[in-house]
């Protein structure tokens, strides 16, 4: 029921032109997509 905020910071390059995704991997499971955001931020996936 609680909350957390994850951050993903880039260094050495700018994220402006990149699609960014969050993925997760639980023990014994494959890595799966959680959420994505377009380079403009206007489009998202969950």
ModelCIF file with pLDDT and N, C-alpha, C, O atoms, coordinates in Angstrom:
data_MODEL
#
_entry.id   MODEL 
#
_entity.id                         1 
_entity.type                       polymer 
_entity.pdbx_number_of_molecules   1 
#
_entity_poly.entity_id                      1 
_entity_poly.type                           'polypeptide(L)' 
_entity_poly.nstd_linkage                   no 
_entity_poly.nstd_monomer                   no 
_entity_poly.pdbx_seq_one_letter_code       
;(UNK)(UNK)(UNK)(UNK)(UNK)(UNK)(UNK)(UNK)(UNK)(UNK)(UNK)(UNK)(UNK)(UNK)(UNK)(UNK)
(UNK)(UNK)(UNK)(UNK)(UNK)(UNK)(UNK)(UNK)(UNK)(UNK)(UNK)(UNK)(UNK)(UNK)(UNK)(UNK)
(UNK)(UNK)(UNK)(UNK)(UNK)(UNK)(UNK)(UNK)(UNK)(UNK)(UNK)(UNK)(UNK)(UNK)
;
_entity_poly.pdbx_seq_one_letter_code_can   XXXXXXXXXXXXXXXXXXXXXXXXXXXXXXXXXXXXXXXXXXXXXX 
_entity_poly.pdbx_strand_id                 A 
#
loop_
_entity_poly_seq.entity_id 
_entity_poly_seq.num 
_entity_poly_seq.mon_id 
_entity_poly_seq.hetero 
1 1  UNK n 
1 2  UNK n 
1 3  UNK n 
1 4  UNK n 
1 5  UNK n 
1 6  UNK n 
1 7  UNK n 
1 8  UNK n 
1 9  UNK n 
1 10 UNK n 
1 11 UNK n 
1 12 UNK n 
1 13 UNK n 
1 14 UNK n 
1 15 UNK n 
1 16 UNK n 
1 17 UNK n 
1 18 UNK n 
1 19 UNK n 
1 20 UNK n 
1 21 UNK n 
1 22 UNK n 
1 23 UNK n 
1 24 UNK n 
1 25 UNK n 
1 26 UNK n 
1 27 UNK n 
1 28 UNK n 
1 29 UNK n 
1 30 UNK n 
1 31 UNK n 
1 32 UNK n 
1 33 UNK n 
1 34 UNK n 
1 35 UNK n 
1 36 UNK n 
1 37 UNK n 
1 38 UNK n 
1 39 UNK n 
1 40 UNK n 
1 41 UNK n 
1 42 UNK n 
1 43 UNK n 
1 44 UNK n 
1 45 UNK n 
1 46 UNK n 
#
_struct_asym.id          A 
_struct_asym.entity_id   1 
#
loop_
_ma_qa_metric.id 
_ma_qa_metric.mode 
_ma_qa_metric.name 
_ma_qa_metric.software_group_id 
_ma_qa_metric.type 
1 global pLDDT . pLDDT 
2 local  pLDDT . pLDDT 
#
_ma_qa_metric_global.metric_id      1 
_ma_qa_metric_global.metric_value   95.78 
_ma_qa_metric_global.model_id       1 
_ma_qa_metric_global.ordinal_id     1 
#
loop_
_ma_qa_metric_local.label_asym_id 
_ma_qa_metric_local.label_comp_id 
_ma_qa_metric_local.label_seq_id 
_ma_qa_metric_local.metric_id 
_ma_qa_metric_local.metric_value 
_ma_qa_metric_local.model_id 
_ma_qa_metric_local.ordinal_id 
A UNK 1  2 98.00 1 1  
A UNK 2  2 98.00 1 2  
A UNK 3  2 98.00 1 3  
A UNK 4  2 98.00 1 4  
A UNK 5  2 98.00 1 5  
A UNK 6  2 98.00 1 6  
A UNK 7  2 98.00 1 7  
A UNK 8  2 98.00 1 8  
A UNK 9  2 97.00 1 9  
A UNK 10 2 94.00 1 10 
A UNK 11 2 91.00 1 11 
A UNK 12 2 90.00 1 12 
A UNK 13 2 89.00 1 13 
A UNK 14 2 92.00 1 14 
A UNK 15 2 92.00 1 15 
A UNK 16 2 92.00 1 16 
A UNK 17 2 93.00 1 17 
A UNK 18 2 96.00 1 18 
A UNK 19 2 97.00 1 19 
A UNK 20 2 97.00 1 20 
A UNK 21 2 97.00 1 21 
A UNK 22 2 98.00 1 22 
A UNK 23 2 98.00 1 23 
A UNK 24 2 98.00 1 24 
A UNK 25 2 98.00 1 25 
A UNK 26 2 97.00 1 26 
A UNK 27 2 93.00 1 27 
A UNK 28 2 95.00 1 28 
A UNK 29 2 96.00 1 29 
A UNK 30 2 96.00 1 30 
A UNK 31 2 96.00 1 31 
A UNK 32 2 96.00 1 32 
A UNK 33 2 97.00 1 33 
A UNK 34 2 97.00 1 34 
A UNK 35 2 98.00 1 35 
A UNK 36 2 97.00 1 36 
A UNK 37 2 97.00 1 37 
A UNK 38 2 96.00 1 38 
A UNK 39 2 94.00 1 39 
A UNK 40 2 92.00 1 40 
A UNK 41 2 93.00 1 41 
A UNK 42 2 95.00 1 42 
A UNK 43 2 96.00 1 43 
A UNK 44 2 97.00 1 44 
A UNK 45 2 97.00 1 45 
A UNK 46 2 98.00 1 46 
#
loop_
_atom_site.group_PDB 
_atom_site.id 
_atom_site.type_symbol 
_atom_site.label_atom_id 
_atom_site.label_alt_id 
_atom_site.label_comp_id 
_atom_site.label_asym_id 
_atom_site.label_entity_id 
_atom_site.label_seq_id 
_atom_site.pdbx_PDB_ins_code 
_atom_site.Cartn_x 
_atom_site.Cartn_y 
_atom_site.Cartn_z 
_atom_site.occupancy 
_atom_site.B_iso_or_equiv 
_atom_site.pdbx_formal_charge 
_atom_site.auth_seq_id 
_atom_site.auth_comp_id 
_atom_site.auth_asym_id 
_atom_site.auth_atom_id 
_atom_site.pdbx_PDB_model_num 
ATOM 1   N N  . UNK A 1 1  ? 0.796  -1.218  0.000   1.00 98.00 ? 1  UNK A N  1 
ATOM 2   C CA . UNK A 1 1  ? 0.000  0.000   0.000   1.00 98.00 ? 1  UNK A CA 1 
ATOM 3   C C  . UNK A 1 1  ? 0.825  1.262   0.000   1.00 98.00 ? 1  UNK A C  1 
ATOM 4   O O  . UNK A 1 1  ? 0.289  2.356   -0.174  1.00 98.00 ? 1  UNK A O  1 
ATOM 5   N N  . UNK A 1 2  ? 2.127  1.125   0.194   1.00 98.00 ? 2  UNK A N  1 
ATOM 6   C CA . UNK A 1 2  ? 2.998  2.287   0.237   1.00 98.00 ? 2  UNK A CA 1 
ATOM 7   C C  . UNK A 1 2  ? 3.408  2.773   -1.143  1.00 98.00 ? 2  UNK A C  1 
ATOM 8   O O  . UNK A 1 2  ? 2.961  2.256   -2.167  1.00 98.00 ? 2  UNK A O  1 
ATOM 9   N N  . UNK A 1 3  ? 4.280  3.792   -1.141  1.00 98.00 ? 3  UNK A N  1 
ATOM 10  C CA . UNK A 1 3  ? 4.711  4.422   -2.384  1.00 98.00 ? 3  UNK A CA 1 
ATOM 11  C C  . UNK A 1 3  ? 6.233  4.562   -2.425  1.00 98.00 ? 3  UNK A C  1 
ATOM 12  O O  . UNK A 1 3  ? 6.900  4.652   -1.395  1.00 98.00 ? 3  UNK A O  1 
ATOM 13  N N  . UNK A 1 4  ? 6.744  4.576   -3.628  1.00 98.00 ? 4  UNK A N  1 
ATOM 14  C CA . UNK A 1 4  ? 8.149  4.884   -3.891  1.00 98.00 ? 4  UNK A CA 1 
ATOM 15  C C  . UNK A 1 4  ? 8.217  5.652   -5.197  1.00 98.00 ? 4  UNK A C  1 
ATOM 16  O O  . UNK A 1 4  ? 7.360  5.495   -6.067  1.00 98.00 ? 4  UNK A O  1 
ATOM 17  N N  . UNK A 1 5  ? 9.243  6.485   -5.330  1.00 98.00 ? 5  UNK A N  1 
ATOM 18  C CA . UNK A 1 5  ? 9.506  7.133   -6.612  1.00 98.00 ? 5  UNK A CA 1 
ATOM 19  C C  . UNK A 1 5  ? 10.911 6.775   -7.054  1.00 98.00 ? 5  UNK A C  1 
ATOM 20  O O  . UNK A 1 5  ? 11.893 7.074   -6.376  1.00 98.00 ? 5  UNK A O  1 
ATOM 21  N N  . UNK A 1 6  ? 10.984 6.130   -8.205  1.00 98.00 ? 6  UNK A N  1 
ATOM 22  C CA . UNK A 1 6  ? 12.272 5.767   -8.786  1.00 98.00 ? 6  UNK A CA 1 
ATOM 23  C C  . UNK A 1 6  ? 12.722 6.873   -9.736  1.00 98.00 ? 6  UNK A C  1 
ATOM 24  O O  . UNK A 1 6  ? 11.909 7.518   -10.398 1.00 98.00 ? 6  UNK A O  1 
ATOM 25  N N  . UNK A 1 7  ? 14.015 7.072   -9.783  1.00 98.00 ? 7  UNK A N  1 
ATOM 26  C CA . UNK A 1 7  ? 14.608 8.036   -10.716 1.00 98.00 ? 7  UNK A CA 1 
ATOM 27  C C  . UNK A 1 7  ? 15.602 7.312   -11.616 1.00 98.00 ? 7  UNK A C  1 
ATOM 28  O O  . UNK A 1 7  ? 16.259 6.354   -11.210 1.00 98.00 ? 7  UNK A O  1 
ATOM 29  N N  . UNK A 1 8  ? 15.689 7.794   -12.834 1.00 98.00 ? 8  UNK A N  1 
ATOM 30  C CA . UNK A 1 8  ? 16.649 7.267   -13.810 1.00 98.00 ? 8  UNK A CA 1 
ATOM 31  C C  . UNK A 1 8  ? 17.367 8.476   -14.396 1.00 98.00 ? 8  UNK A C  1 
ATOM 32  O O  . UNK A 1 8  ? 16.797 9.221   -15.192 1.00 98.00 ? 8  UNK A O  1 
ATOM 33  N N  . UNK A 1 9  ? 18.607 8.662   -14.002 1.00 97.00 ? 9  UNK A N  1 
ATOM 34  C CA . UNK A 1 9  ? 19.372 9.824   -14.444 1.00 97.00 ? 9  UNK A CA 1 
ATOM 35  C C  . UNK A 1 9  ? 20.420 9.404   -15.466 1.00 97.00 ? 9  UNK A C  1 
ATOM 36  O O  . UNK A 1 9  ? 21.100 8.390   -15.303 1.00 97.00 ? 9  UNK A O  1 
ATOM 37  N N  . UNK A 1 10 ? 20.533 10.189  -16.504 1.00 94.00 ? 10 UNK A N  1 
ATOM 38  C CA . UNK A 1 10 ? 21.521 9.907   -17.549 1.00 94.00 ? 10 UNK A CA 1 
ATOM 39  C C  . UNK A 1 10 ? 22.743 10.788  -17.364 1.00 94.00 ? 10 UNK A C  1 
ATOM 40  O O  . UNK A 1 10 ? 22.643 11.950  -16.969 1.00 94.00 ? 10 UNK A O  1 
ATOM 41  N N  . UNK A 1 11 ? 23.883 10.215  -17.653 1.00 91.00 ? 11 UNK A N  1 
ATOM 42  C CA . UNK A 1 11 ? 25.107 11.008  -17.676 1.00 91.00 ? 11 UNK A CA 1 
ATOM 43  C C  . UNK A 1 11 ? 25.889 10.669  -18.937 1.00 91.00 ? 11 UNK A C  1 
ATOM 44  O O  . UNK A 1 11 ? 25.906 9.524   -19.388 1.00 91.00 ? 11 UNK A O  1 
ATOM 45  N N  . UNK A 1 12 ? 26.530 11.678  -19.492 1.00 90.00 ? 12 UNK A N  1 
ATOM 46  C CA . UNK A 1 12 ? 27.326 11.474  -20.698 1.00 90.00 ? 12 UNK A CA 1 
ATOM 47  C C  . UNK A 1 12 ? 26.525 11.622  -21.981 1.00 90.00 ? 12 UNK A C  1 
ATOM 48  O O  . UNK A 1 12 ? 27.107 11.653  -23.065 1.00 90.00 ? 12 UNK A O  1 
ATOM 49  N N  . UNK A 1 13 ? 25.206 11.714  -21.885 1.00 89.00 ? 13 UNK A N  1 
ATOM 50  C CA . UNK A 1 13 ? 24.371 11.943  -23.062 1.00 89.00 ? 13 UNK A CA 1 
ATOM 51  C C  . UNK A 1 13 ? 23.046 12.539  -22.599 1.00 89.00 ? 13 UNK A C  1 
ATOM 52  O O  . UNK A 1 13 ? 22.682 12.462  -21.426 1.00 89.00 ? 13 UNK A O  1 
ATOM 53  N N  . UNK A 1 14 ? 22.328 13.142  -23.563 1.00 92.00 ? 14 UNK A N  1 
ATOM 54  C CA . UNK A 1 14 ? 21.056 13.751  -23.239 1.00 92.00 ? 14 UNK A CA 1 
ATOM 55  C C  . UNK A 1 14 ? 19.919 12.805  -23.610 1.00 92.00 ? 14 UNK A C  1 
ATOM 56  O O  . UNK A 1 14 ? 19.952 12.140  -24.646 1.00 92.00 ? 14 UNK A O  1 
ATOM 57  N N  . UNK A 1 15 ? 18.915 12.760  -22.742 1.00 92.00 ? 15 UNK A N  1 
ATOM 58  C CA . UNK A 1 15 ? 17.783 11.869  -22.969 1.00 92.00 ? 15 UNK A CA 1 
ATOM 59  C C  . UNK A 1 15 ? 16.732 12.445  -23.900 1.00 92.00 ? 15 UNK A C  1 
ATOM 60  O O  . UNK A 1 15 ? 15.745 11.775  -24.203 1.00 92.00 ? 15 UNK A O  1 
ATOM 61  N N  . UNK A 1 16 ? 16.925 13.677  -24.359 1.00 92.00 ? 16 UNK A N  1 
ATOM 62  C CA . UNK A 1 16 ? 15.883 14.376  -25.123 1.00 92.00 ? 16 UNK A CA 1 
ATOM 63  C C  . UNK A 1 16 ? 15.331 13.559  -26.284 1.00 92.00 ? 16 UNK A C  1 
ATOM 64  O O  . UNK A 1 16 ? 14.137 13.632  -26.573 1.00 92.00 ? 16 UNK A O  1 
ATOM 65  N N  . UNK A 1 17 ? 16.179 12.783  -26.951 1.00 93.00 ? 17 UNK A N  1 
ATOM 66  C CA . UNK A 1 17 ? 15.745 12.097  -28.169 1.00 93.00 ? 17 UNK A CA 1 
ATOM 67  C C  . UNK A 1 17 ? 15.490 10.611  -27.954 1.00 93.00 ? 17 UNK A C  1 
ATOM 68  O O  . UNK A 1 17 ? 15.366 9.847   -28.911 1.00 93.00 ? 17 UNK A O  1 
ATOM 69  N N  . UNK A 1 18 ? 15.414 10.213  -26.696 1.00 96.00 ? 18 UNK A N  1 
ATOM 70  C CA . UNK A 1 18 ? 15.307 8.795   -26.380 1.00 96.00 ? 18 UNK A CA 1 
ATOM 71  C C  . UNK A 1 18 ? 13.939 8.430   -25.811 1.00 96.00 ? 18 UNK A C  1 
ATOM 72  O O  . UNK A 1 18 ? 13.372 9.156   -24.994 1.00 96.00 ? 18 UNK A O  1 
ATOM 73  N N  . UNK A 1 19 ? 13.425 7.292   -26.260 1.00 97.00 ? 19 UNK A N  1 
ATOM 74  C CA . UNK A 1 19 ? 12.324 6.650   -25.565 1.00 97.00 ? 19 UNK A CA 1 
ATOM 75  C C  . UNK A 1 19 ? 12.918 5.959   -24.338 1.00 97.00 ? 19 UNK A C  1 
ATOM 76  O O  . UNK A 1 19 ? 13.962 5.311   -24.418 1.00 97.00 ? 19 UNK A O  1 
ATOM 77  N N  . UNK A 1 20 ? 12.238 6.110   -23.211 1.00 97.00 ? 20 UNK A N  1 
ATOM 78  C CA . UNK A 1 20 ? 12.729 5.536   -21.957 1.00 97.00 ? 20 UNK A CA 1 
ATOM 79  C C  . UNK A 1 20 ? 11.725 4.527   -21.439 1.00 97.00 ? 20 UNK A C  1 
ATOM 80  O O  . UNK A 1 20 ? 10.515 4.747   -21.477 1.00 97.00 ? 20 UNK A O  1 
ATOM 81  N N  . UNK A 1 21 ? 12.250 3.423   -20.959 1.00 97.00 ? 21 UNK A N  1 
ATOM 82  C CA . UNK A 1 21 ? 11.379 2.403   -20.386 1.00 97.00 ? 21 UNK A CA 1 
ATOM 83  C C  . UNK A 1 21 ? 11.842 1.971   -19.011 1.00 97.00 ? 21 UNK A C  1 
ATOM 84  O O  . UNK A 1 21 ? 13.033 1.980   -18.699 1.00 97.00 ? 21 UNK A O  1 
ATOM 85  N N  . UNK A 1 22 ? 10.874 1.593   -18.199 1.00 98.00 ? 22 UNK A N  1 
ATOM 86  C CA . UNK A 1 22 ? 11.159 0.944   -16.912 1.00 98.00 ? 22 UNK A CA 1 
ATOM 87  C C  . UNK A 1 22 ? 10.802 -0.529  -17.050 1.00 98.00 ? 22 UNK A C  1 
ATOM 88  O O  . UNK A 1 22 ? 9.751  -0.884  -17.583 1.00 98.00 ? 22 UNK A O  1 
ATOM 89  N N  . UNK A 1 23 ? 11.690 -1.369  -16.565 1.00 98.00 ? 23 UNK A N  1 
ATOM 90  C CA . UNK A 1 23 ? 11.518 -2.807  -16.615 1.00 98.00 ? 23 UNK A CA 1 
ATOM 91  C C  . UNK A 1 23 ? 11.777 -3.358  -15.214 1.00 98.00 ? 23 UNK A C  1 
ATOM 92  O O  . UNK A 1 23 ? 12.384 -2.688  -14.379 1.00 98.00 ? 23 UNK A O  1 
ATOM 93  N N  . UNK A 1 24 ? 11.320 -4.564  -14.967 1.00 98.00 ? 24 UNK A N  1 
ATOM 94  C CA . UNK A 1 24 ? 11.594 -5.172  -13.675 1.00 98.00 ? 24 UNK A CA 1 
ATOM 95  C C  . UNK A 1 24 ? 11.834 -6.665  -13.856 1.00 98.00 ? 24 UNK A C  1 
ATOM 96  O O  . UNK A 1 24 ? 11.360 -7.291  -14.803 1.00 98.00 ? 24 UNK A O  1 
ATOM 97  N N  . UNK A 1 25 ? 12.590 -7.204  -12.908 1.00 98.00 ? 25 UNK A N  1 
ATOM 98  C CA . UNK A 1 25 ? 12.876 -8.632  -12.928 1.00 98.00 ? 25 UNK A CA 1 
ATOM 99  C C  . UNK A 1 25 ? 12.815 -9.165  -11.510 1.00 98.00 ? 25 UNK A C  1 
ATOM 100 O O  . UNK A 1 25 ? 13.593 -8.777  -10.639 1.00 98.00 ? 25 UNK A O  1 
ATOM 101 N N  . UNK A 1 26 ? 11.866 -10.068 -11.305 1.00 97.00 ? 26 UNK A N  1 
ATOM 102 C CA . UNK A 1 26 ? 11.726 -10.729 -10.017 1.00 97.00 ? 26 UNK A CA 1 
ATOM 103 C C  . UNK A 1 26 ? 12.539 -12.017 -10.027 1.00 97.00 ? 26 UNK A C  1 
ATOM 104 O O  . UNK A 1 26 ? 12.821 -12.545 -11.102 1.00 97.00 ? 26 UNK A O  1 
ATOM 105 N N  . UNK A 1 27 ? 12.925 -12.540 -8.865  1.00 93.00 ? 27 UNK A N  1 
ATOM 106 C CA . UNK A 1 27 ? 13.719 -13.770 -8.819  1.00 93.00 ? 27 UNK A CA 1 
ATOM 107 C C  . UNK A 1 27 ? 13.032 -14.907 -9.555  1.00 93.00 ? 27 UNK A C  1 
ATOM 108 O O  . UNK A 1 27 ? 11.855 -15.190 -9.328  1.00 93.00 ? 27 UNK A O  1 
ATOM 109 N N  . UNK A 1 28 ? 13.778 -15.554 -10.436 1.00 95.00 ? 28 UNK A N  1 
ATOM 110 C CA . UNK A 1 28 ? 13.249 -16.690 -11.160 1.00 95.00 ? 28 UNK A CA 1 
ATOM 111 C C  . UNK A 1 28 ? 12.338 -16.352 -12.321 1.00 95.00 ? 28 UNK A C  1 
ATOM 112 O O  . UNK A 1 28 ? 11.773 -17.245 -12.953 1.00 95.00 ? 28 UNK A O  1 
ATOM 113 N N  . UNK A 1 29 ? 12.191 -15.056 -12.606 1.00 96.00 ? 29 UNK A N  1 
ATOM 114 C CA . UNK A 1 29 ? 11.299 -14.635 -13.690 1.00 96.00 ? 29 UNK A CA 1 
ATOM 115 C C  . UNK A 1 29 ? 12.069 -13.855 -14.740 1.00 96.00 ? 29 UNK A C  1 
ATOM 116 O O  . UNK A 1 29 ? 13.168 -13.361 -14.488 1.00 96.00 ? 29 UNK A O  1 
ATOM 117 N N  . UNK A 1 30 ? 11.478 -13.753 -15.917 1.00 96.00 ? 30 UNK A N  1 
ATOM 118 C CA . UNK A 1 30 ? 12.089 -12.968 -16.985 1.00 96.00 ? 30 UNK A CA 1 
ATOM 119 C C  . UNK A 1 30 ? 11.868 -11.476 -16.732 1.00 96.00 ? 30 UNK A C  1 
ATOM 120 O O  . UNK A 1 30 ? 10.927 -11.070 -16.049 1.00 96.00 ? 30 UNK A O  1 
ATOM 121 N N  . UNK A 1 31 ? 12.763 -10.681 -17.304 1.00 96.00 ? 31 UNK A N  1 
ATOM 122 C CA . UNK A 1 31 ? 12.602 -9.235  -17.215 1.00 96.00 ? 31 UNK A CA 1 
ATOM 123 C C  . UNK A 1 31 ? 11.364 -8.831  -18.021 1.00 96.00 ? 31 UNK A C  1 
ATOM 124 O O  . UNK A 1 31 ? 11.157 -9.309  -19.137 1.00 96.00 ? 31 UNK A O  1 
ATOM 125 N N  . UNK A 1 32 ? 10.556 -7.958  -17.452 1.00 96.00 ? 32 UNK A N  1 
ATOM 126 C CA . UNK A 1 32 ? 9.322  -7.547  -18.117 1.00 96.00 ? 32 UNK A CA 1 
ATOM 127 C C  . UNK A 1 32 ? 9.208  -6.034  -18.166 1.00 96.00 ? 32 UNK A C  1 
ATOM 128 O O  . UNK A 1 32 ? 9.735  -5.328  -17.306 1.00 96.00 ? 32 UNK A O  1 
ATOM 129 N N  . UNK A 1 33 ? 8.514  -5.549  -19.181 1.00 97.00 ? 33 UNK A N  1 
ATOM 130 C CA . UNK A 1 33 ? 8.288  -4.121  -19.306 1.00 97.00 ? 33 UNK A CA 1 
ATOM 131 C C  . UNK A 1 33 ? 7.216  -3.647  -18.353 1.00 97.00 ? 33 UNK A C  1 
ATOM 132 O O  . UNK A 1 33 ? 6.182  -4.297  -18.198 1.00 97.00 ? 33 UNK A O  1 
ATOM 133 N N  . UNK A 1 34 ? 7.457  -2.522  -17.717 1.00 97.00 ? 34 UNK A N  1 
ATOM 134 C CA . UNK A 1 34 ? 6.521  -1.938  -16.762 1.00 97.00 ? 34 UNK A CA 1 
ATOM 135 C C  . UNK A 1 34 ? 5.859  -0.698  -17.348 1.00 97.00 ? 34 UNK A C  1 
ATOM 136 O O  . UNK A 1 34 ? 4.636  -0.560  -17.324 1.00 97.00 ? 34 UNK A O  1 
ATOM 137 N N  . UNK A 1 35 ? 6.683  0.199   -17.874 1.00 98.00 ? 35 UNK A N  1 
ATOM 138 C CA . UNK A 1 35 ? 6.159  1.462   -18.383 1.00 98.00 ? 35 UNK A CA 1 
ATOM 139 C C  . UNK A 1 35 ? 7.173  2.085   -19.319 1.00 98.00 ? 35 UNK A C  1 
ATOM 140 O O  . UNK A 1 35 ? 8.379  1.905   -19.147 1.00 98.00 ? 35 UNK A O  1 
ATOM 141 N N  . UNK A 1 36 ? 6.683  2.826   -20.323 1.00 97.00 ? 36 UNK A N  1 
ATOM 142 C CA . UNK A 1 36 ? 7.556  3.523   -21.267 1.00 97.00 ? 36 UNK A CA 1 
ATOM 143 C C  . UNK A 1 36 ? 7.028  4.928   -21.498 1.00 97.00 ? 36 UNK A C  1 
ATOM 144 O O  . UNK A 1 36 ? 5.840  5.199   -21.316 1.00 97.00 ? 36 UNK A O  1 
ATOM 145 N N  . UNK A 1 37 ? 7.924  5.817   -21.901 1.00 97.00 ? 37 UNK A N  1 
ATOM 146 C CA . UNK A 1 37 ? 7.528  7.188   -22.208 1.00 97.00 ? 37 UNK A CA 1 
ATOM 147 C C  . UNK A 1 37 ? 8.271  7.653   -23.456 1.00 97.00 ? 37 UNK A C  1 
ATOM 148 O O  . UNK A 1 37 ? 9.463  7.391   -23.616 1.00 97.00 ? 37 UNK A O  1 
ATOM 149 N N  . UNK A 1 38 ? 7.561  8.338   -24.324 1.00 96.00 ? 38 UNK A N  1 
ATOM 150 C CA . UNK A 1 38 ? 8.171  8.819   -25.564 1.00 96.00 ? 38 UNK A CA 1 
ATOM 151 C C  . UNK A 1 38 ? 9.151  9.956   -25.267 1.00 96.00 ? 38 UNK A C  1 
ATOM 152 O O  . UNK A 1 38 ? 9.178  10.494  -24.160 1.00 96.00 ? 38 UNK A O  1 
ATOM 153 N N  . UNK A 1 39 ? 9.945  10.307  -26.262 1.00 94.00 ? 39 UNK A N  1 
ATOM 154 C CA . UNK A 1 39 ? 10.961 11.334  -26.041 1.00 94.00 ? 39 UNK A CA 1 
ATOM 155 C C  . UNK A 1 39 ? 10.346 12.684  -25.690 1.00 94.00 ? 39 UNK A C  1 
ATOM 156 O O  . UNK A 1 39 ? 10.957 13.481  -24.977 1.00 94.00 ? 39 UNK A O  1 
ATOM 157 N N  . UNK A 1 40 ? 9.128  12.945  -26.195 1.00 92.00 ? 40 UNK A N  1 
ATOM 158 C CA . UNK A 1 40 ? 8.463  14.208  -25.883 1.00 92.00 ? 40 UNK A CA 1 
ATOM 159 C C  . UNK A 1 40 ? 7.735  14.165  -24.549 1.00 92.00 ? 40 UNK A C  1 
ATOM 160 O O  . UNK A 1 40 ? 7.434  15.201  -23.956 1.00 92.00 ? 40 UNK A O  1 
ATOM 161 N N  . UNK A 1 41 ? 7.459  12.964  -24.090 1.00 93.00 ? 41 UNK A N  1 
ATOM 162 C CA . UNK A 1 41 ? 6.674  12.805  -22.865 1.00 93.00 ? 41 UNK A CA 1 
ATOM 163 C C  . UNK A 1 41 ? 5.182  12.775  -23.110 1.00 93.00 ? 41 UNK A C  1 
ATOM 164 O O  . UNK A 1 41 ? 4.406  12.599  -22.170 1.00 93.00 ? 41 UNK A O  1 
ATOM 165 N N  . UNK A 1 42 ? 4.763  12.942  -24.352 1.00 95.00 ? 42 UNK A N  1 
ATOM 166 C CA . UNK A 1 42 ? 3.332  13.011  -24.645 1.00 95.00 ? 42 UNK A CA 1 
ATOM 167 C C  . UNK A 1 42 ? 2.674  11.639  -24.678 1.00 95.00 ? 42 UNK A C  1 
ATOM 168 O O  . UNK A 1 42 ? 1.467  11.529  -24.464 1.00 95.00 ? 42 UNK A O  1 
ATOM 169 N N  . UNK A 1 43 ? 3.447  10.597  -24.942 1.00 96.00 ? 43 UNK A N  1 
ATOM 170 C CA . UNK A 1 43 ? 2.887  9.245   -25.047 1.00 96.00 ? 43 UNK A CA 1 
ATOM 171 C C  . UNK A 1 43 ? 3.497  8.344   -23.994 1.00 96.00 ? 43 UNK A C  1 
ATOM 172 O O  . UNK A 1 43 ? 4.700  8.374   -23.735 1.00 96.00 ? 43 UNK A O  1 
ATOM 173 N N  . UNK A 1 44 ? 2.630  7.538   -23.393 1.00 97.00 ? 44 UNK A N  1 
ATOM 174 C CA . UNK A 1 44 ? 3.097  6.614   -22.370 1.00 97.00 ? 44 UNK A CA 1 
ATOM 175 C C  . UNK A 1 44 ? 2.467  5.243   -22.556 1.00 97.00 ? 44 UNK A C  1 
ATOM 176 O O  . UNK A 1 44 ? 1.434  5.093   -23.209 1.00 97.00 ? 44 UNK A O  1 
ATOM 177 N N  . UNK A 1 45 ? 3.111  4.259   -21.972 1.00 97.00 ? 45 UNK A N  1 
ATOM 178 C CA . UNK A 1 45 ? 2.612  2.879   -21.980 1.00 97.00 ? 45 UNK A CA 1 
ATOM 179 C C  . UNK A 1 45 ? 2.739  2.339   -20.564 1.00 97.00 ? 45 UNK A C  1 
ATOM 180 O O  . UNK A 1 45 ? 3.708  2.626   -19.861 1.00 97.00 ? 45 UNK A O  1 
ATOM 181 N N  . UNK A 1 46 ? 1.745  1.549   -20.151 1.00 98.00 ? 46 UNK A N  1 
ATOM 182 C CA . UNK A 1 46 ? 1.803  0.870   -18.863 1.00 98.00 ? 46 UNK A CA 1 
ATOM 183 C C  . UNK A 1 46 ? 1.388  -0.582  -19.041 1.00 98.00 ? 46 UNK A C  1 
ATOM 184 O O  . UNK A 1 46 ? 1.366  -1.341  -18.072 1.00 98.00 ? 46 UNK A O  1 
#
